[in-house]
Amino acid sequence: MKIETRSYVLGVHKYVEVGKEYYFGELWDGRNEGSELLESGSVWIGNAEYDMPVVAAFNILEVAGESDISKIDLYALDDCEISEAKVVVTDIY
């Protein structure tokens, strides 16, 4: 099963795959609280057969130019900064 990335201006990937780096905006549909999803390390990326949700687990690599995530208040970020966060997908389930 292949799940396509979201249309995102900075995005370069067509499909979501484990081990690849993405801008969070390629995974997030813009709904719900982006900072909560970013903090959770998982995001809904589509539906599979029988409308079963497909989720991508990820690790944050960089947010707002900072790779030490402990220095960032994710809840102080705007949607643009959240979308530009760099993540690596670790699992799809």
N, C-alpha and C. Protein backbone atom coordinates (compact mmCIF):
# COMPACT_ATOMS: atom_id res chain seq x y z
N MET A 1 0.84 -1.17 0.00
CA MET A 1 0.00 0.00 0.00
C MET A 1 0.89 1.24 0.00
N LYS A 2 0.58 2.18 -0.88
CA LYS A 2 1.31 3.43 -0.94
C LYS A 2 0.38 4.58 -0.56
N ILE A 3 0.86 5.41 0.35
CA ILE A 3 0.11 6.60 0.76
C ILE A 3 0.87 7.80 0.21
N GLU A 4 0.17 8.65 -0.53
CA GLU A 4 0.81 9.84 -1.08
C GLU A 4 1.01 10.90 -0.01
N THR A 5 2.06 11.70 -0.19
CA THR A 5 2.30 12.82 0.71
C THR A 5 1.25 13.90 0.43
N ARG A 6 1.12 14.81 1.36
CA ARG A 6 0.25 15.97 1.18
C ARG A 6 0.92 16.93 0.21
N SER A 7 0.13 17.70 -0.48
CA SER A 7 0.68 18.72 -1.36
C SER A 7 1.27 19.82 -0.48
N TYR A 8 2.56 20.01 -0.56
CA TYR A 8 3.24 21.00 0.28
C TYR A 8 4.34 21.64 -0.54
N VAL A 9 4.39 22.96 -0.50
CA VAL A 9 5.28 23.72 -1.37
C VAL A 9 6.75 23.30 -1.25
N LEU A 10 7.21 22.94 -0.08
CA LEU A 10 8.60 22.54 0.10
C LEU A 10 8.83 21.05 -0.11
N GLY A 11 7.76 20.30 -0.27
CA GLY A 11 7.86 18.85 -0.37
C GLY A 11 8.51 18.37 -1.65
N VAL A 12 9.21 17.25 -1.54
CA VAL A 12 9.87 16.67 -2.71
C VAL A 12 9.48 15.20 -2.91
N HIS A 13 8.76 14.60 -2.00
CA HIS A 13 8.41 13.19 -2.08
C HIS A 13 6.99 13.00 -2.58
N LYS A 14 6.76 11.90 -3.28
CA LYS A 14 5.41 11.58 -3.73
C LYS A 14 4.70 10.65 -2.76
N TYR A 15 5.47 9.73 -2.15
CA TYR A 15 4.88 8.75 -1.24
C TYR A 15 5.57 8.80 0.12
N VAL A 16 4.84 8.39 1.15
CA VAL A 16 5.39 8.30 2.50
C VAL A 16 6.05 6.93 2.64
N GLU A 17 7.32 6.93 3.05
CA GLU A 17 8.06 5.69 3.23
C GLU A 17 8.88 5.75 4.52
N VAL A 18 9.01 4.60 5.17
CA VAL A 18 9.81 4.50 6.39
C VAL A 18 11.27 4.79 6.06
N GLY A 19 11.90 5.57 6.94
CA GLY A 19 13.32 5.88 6.79
C GLY A 19 13.61 7.16 6.01
N LYS A 20 12.60 7.76 5.41
CA LYS A 20 12.81 8.98 4.64
C LYS A 20 12.48 10.21 5.48
N GLU A 21 13.15 11.31 5.13
CA GLU A 21 12.91 12.59 5.80
C GLU A 21 11.85 13.38 5.05
N TYR A 22 11.01 14.05 5.82
CA TYR A 22 9.93 14.85 5.26
C TYR A 22 9.79 16.15 6.02
N TYR A 23 9.24 17.14 5.37
CA TYR A 23 8.71 18.29 6.09
C TYR A 23 7.40 17.81 6.70
N PHE A 24 7.10 18.23 7.92
CA PHE A 24 5.88 17.80 8.57
C PHE A 24 4.66 18.16 7.72
N GLY A 25 4.74 19.26 6.97
CA GLY A 25 3.65 19.67 6.08
C GLY A 25 3.34 18.67 4.98
N GLU A 26 4.27 17.75 4.70
CA GLU A 26 4.01 16.70 3.72
C GLU A 26 3.16 15.58 4.32
N LEU A 27 3.11 15.51 5.64
CA LEU A 27 2.38 14.45 6.33
C LEU A 27 1.08 14.96 6.96
N TRP A 28 1.08 16.16 7.46
CA TRP A 28 -0.03 16.74 8.22
C TRP A 28 -1.04 17.37 7.28
N ASP A 29 -2.31 17.12 7.49
CA ASP A 29 -3.36 17.69 6.63
C ASP A 29 -3.79 19.09 7.05
N GLY A 30 -3.18 19.63 8.09
CA GLY A 30 -3.51 20.98 8.54
C GLY A 30 -4.67 21.04 9.52
N ARG A 31 -5.30 19.90 9.73
CA ARG A 31 -6.40 19.86 10.71
C ARG A 31 -5.85 19.50 12.08
N ASN A 32 -6.63 19.71 13.07
CA ASN A 32 -6.24 19.42 14.46
C ASN A 32 -5.06 20.29 14.86
N GLU A 33 -4.61 20.13 16.05
CA GLU A 33 -3.53 20.97 16.60
C GLU A 33 -2.19 20.41 16.16
N GLY A 34 -1.51 21.12 15.26
CA GLY A 34 -0.24 20.66 14.71
C GLY A 34 0.83 20.45 15.76
N SER A 35 0.89 21.34 16.76
CA SER A 35 1.92 21.20 17.79
C SER A 35 1.71 19.93 18.61
N GLU A 36 0.45 19.57 18.88
CA GLU A 36 0.17 18.34 19.62
C GLU A 36 0.57 17.11 18.81
N LEU A 37 0.26 17.14 17.52
CA LEU A 37 0.63 16.01 16.65
C LEU A 37 2.14 15.89 16.53
N LEU A 38 2.81 17.03 16.39
CA LEU A 38 4.27 17.03 16.28
C LEU A 38 4.88 16.45 17.55
N GLU A 39 4.36 16.87 18.69
CA GLU A 39 4.86 16.37 19.98
C GLU A 39 4.58 14.86 20.14
N SER A 40 3.45 14.40 19.62
CA SER A 40 3.05 13.00 19.80
C SER A 40 3.94 12.02 19.03
N GLY A 41 4.54 12.48 17.95
CA GLY A 41 5.38 11.60 17.16
C GLY A 41 4.62 10.69 16.21
N SER A 42 3.34 11.01 15.98
CA SER A 42 2.57 10.23 15.01
C SER A 42 1.48 11.11 14.41
N VAL A 43 1.12 10.79 13.16
CA VAL A 43 0.12 11.59 12.46
C VAL A 43 -0.63 10.71 11.46
N TRP A 44 -1.93 10.94 11.34
CA TRP A 44 -2.74 10.24 10.36
C TRP A 44 -2.33 10.70 8.98
N ILE A 45 -2.10 9.75 8.06
CA ILE A 45 -1.67 10.12 6.72
C ILE A 45 -2.62 9.64 5.63
N GLY A 46 -3.65 8.92 6.00
CA GLY A 46 -4.62 8.46 5.00
C GLY A 46 -5.39 7.26 5.50
N ASN A 47 -6.15 6.68 4.59
CA ASN A 47 -6.95 5.50 4.92
C ASN A 47 -6.57 4.35 4.01
N ALA A 48 -6.61 3.15 4.56
CA ALA A 48 -6.35 1.94 3.80
C ALA A 48 -7.68 1.30 3.43
N GLU A 49 -7.62 0.06 3.04
CA GLU A 49 -8.80 -0.70 2.69
C GLU A 49 -9.81 -0.68 3.84
N TYR A 50 -11.07 -0.63 3.51
CA TYR A 50 -12.17 -0.59 4.48
C TYR A 50 -12.10 0.64 5.38
N ASP A 51 -11.49 1.71 4.87
CA ASP A 51 -11.41 2.98 5.59
C ASP A 51 -10.62 2.90 6.90
N MET A 52 -9.72 1.94 6.99
CA MET A 52 -8.88 1.83 8.19
C MET A 52 -7.83 2.94 8.14
N PRO A 53 -7.67 3.69 9.24
CA PRO A 53 -6.69 4.77 9.25
C PRO A 53 -5.25 4.25 9.16
N VAL A 54 -4.43 5.02 8.46
CA VAL A 54 -3.00 4.72 8.34
C VAL A 54 -2.26 5.86 9.04
N VAL A 55 -1.34 5.51 9.93
CA VAL A 55 -0.62 6.47 10.74
C VAL A 55 0.87 6.33 10.49
N ALA A 56 1.56 7.46 10.42
CA ALA A 56 3.02 7.47 10.32
C ALA A 56 3.59 7.89 11.66
N ALA A 57 4.50 7.07 12.18
CA ALA A 57 5.26 7.45 13.39
C ALA A 57 6.54 8.12 12.90
N PHE A 58 7.02 9.09 13.64
CA PHE A 58 8.20 9.83 13.20
C PHE A 58 9.00 10.35 14.38
N ASN A 59 10.24 10.71 14.09
CA ASN A 59 11.09 11.43 15.03
C ASN A 59 11.34 12.81 14.45
N ILE A 60 11.36 13.80 15.31
CA ILE A 60 11.64 15.16 14.88
C ILE A 60 13.14 15.34 14.72
N LEU A 61 13.54 15.89 13.58
CA LEU A 61 14.95 16.15 13.32
C LEU A 61 15.30 17.62 13.59
N GLU A 62 14.39 18.51 13.21
CA GLU A 62 14.66 19.94 13.34
C GLU A 62 13.35 20.73 13.33
N VAL A 63 13.27 21.72 14.20
CA VAL A 63 12.12 22.63 14.24
C VAL A 63 12.64 24.04 14.35
N ALA A 64 12.15 24.91 13.50
CA ALA A 64 12.53 26.33 13.51
C ALA A 64 14.05 26.51 13.52
N GLY A 65 14.73 25.67 12.74
CA GLY A 65 16.18 25.77 12.62
C GLY A 65 16.96 25.19 13.79
N GLU A 66 16.27 24.59 14.74
CA GLU A 66 16.90 24.05 15.95
C GLU A 66 16.81 22.53 15.95
N SER A 67 17.95 21.86 16.07
CA SER A 67 17.93 20.39 16.11
C SER A 67 17.82 19.84 17.53
N ASP A 68 18.08 20.68 18.55
CA ASP A 68 17.89 20.27 19.94
C ASP A 68 16.45 20.61 20.32
N ILE A 69 15.57 19.64 20.14
CA ILE A 69 14.14 19.86 20.30
C ILE A 69 13.78 20.26 21.73
N SER A 70 14.59 19.89 22.70
CA SER A 70 14.30 20.25 24.09
C SER A 70 14.34 21.76 24.30
N LYS A 71 14.94 22.49 23.38
CA LYS A 71 15.01 23.95 23.49
C LYS A 71 13.80 24.65 22.87
N ILE A 72 12.91 23.89 22.26
CA ILE A 72 11.78 24.46 21.53
C ILE A 72 10.48 24.26 22.30
N ASP A 73 9.69 25.32 22.40
CA ASP A 73 8.33 25.21 22.92
C ASP A 73 7.42 24.99 21.71
N LEU A 74 7.06 23.74 21.47
CA LEU A 74 6.26 23.40 20.30
C LEU A 74 4.93 24.14 20.26
N TYR A 75 4.40 24.47 21.43
CA TYR A 75 3.10 25.14 21.49
C TYR A 75 3.19 26.63 21.19
N ALA A 76 4.39 27.15 21.07
CA ALA A 76 4.58 28.56 20.71
C ALA A 76 4.78 28.74 19.21
N LEU A 77 4.84 27.63 18.46
CA LEU A 77 5.08 27.69 17.02
C LEU A 77 3.80 28.01 16.26
N ASP A 78 3.95 28.70 15.14
CA ASP A 78 2.79 28.91 14.27
C ASP A 78 2.70 27.76 13.27
N ASP A 79 1.61 27.72 12.51
CA ASP A 79 1.40 26.60 11.58
C ASP A 79 2.50 26.51 10.53
N CYS A 80 3.04 27.62 10.10
CA CYS A 80 4.11 27.62 9.11
C CYS A 80 5.36 26.94 9.68
N GLU A 81 5.74 27.30 10.90
CA GLU A 81 6.91 26.69 11.54
C GLU A 81 6.69 25.19 11.78
N ILE A 82 5.46 24.83 12.13
CA ILE A 82 5.13 23.42 12.34
C ILE A 82 5.25 22.66 11.01
N SER A 83 4.71 23.22 9.94
CA SER A 83 4.77 22.58 8.63
C SER A 83 6.20 22.42 8.13
N GLU A 84 7.08 23.34 8.50
CA GLU A 84 8.47 23.29 8.04
C GLU A 84 9.38 22.44 8.93
N ALA A 85 8.84 21.88 10.00
CA ALA A 85 9.63 20.98 10.85
C ALA A 85 10.08 19.79 10.01
N LYS A 86 11.30 19.36 10.23
CA LYS A 86 11.82 18.19 9.51
C LYS A 86 11.70 16.97 10.39
N VAL A 87 11.15 15.90 9.83
CA VAL A 87 10.94 14.65 10.56
C VAL A 87 11.43 13.47 9.71
N VAL A 88 11.69 12.36 10.37
CA VAL A 88 11.99 11.11 9.67
C VAL A 88 10.94 10.09 10.08
N VAL A 89 10.33 9.44 9.11
CA VAL A 89 9.29 8.46 9.38
C VAL A 89 9.95 7.17 9.85
N THR A 90 9.50 6.68 11.01
CA THR A 90 10.07 5.47 11.61
C THR A 90 9.20 4.24 11.46
N ASP A 91 7.90 4.45 11.22
CA ASP A 91 6.98 3.33 11.09
C ASP A 91 5.71 3.81 10.41
N ILE A 92 5.04 2.92 9.72
CA ILE A 92 3.72 3.20 9.15
C ILE A 92 2.84 2.04 9.58
N TYR A 93 1.72 2.37 10.22
CA TYR A 93 0.84 1.30 10.71
C TYR A 93 -0.61 1.69 10.55
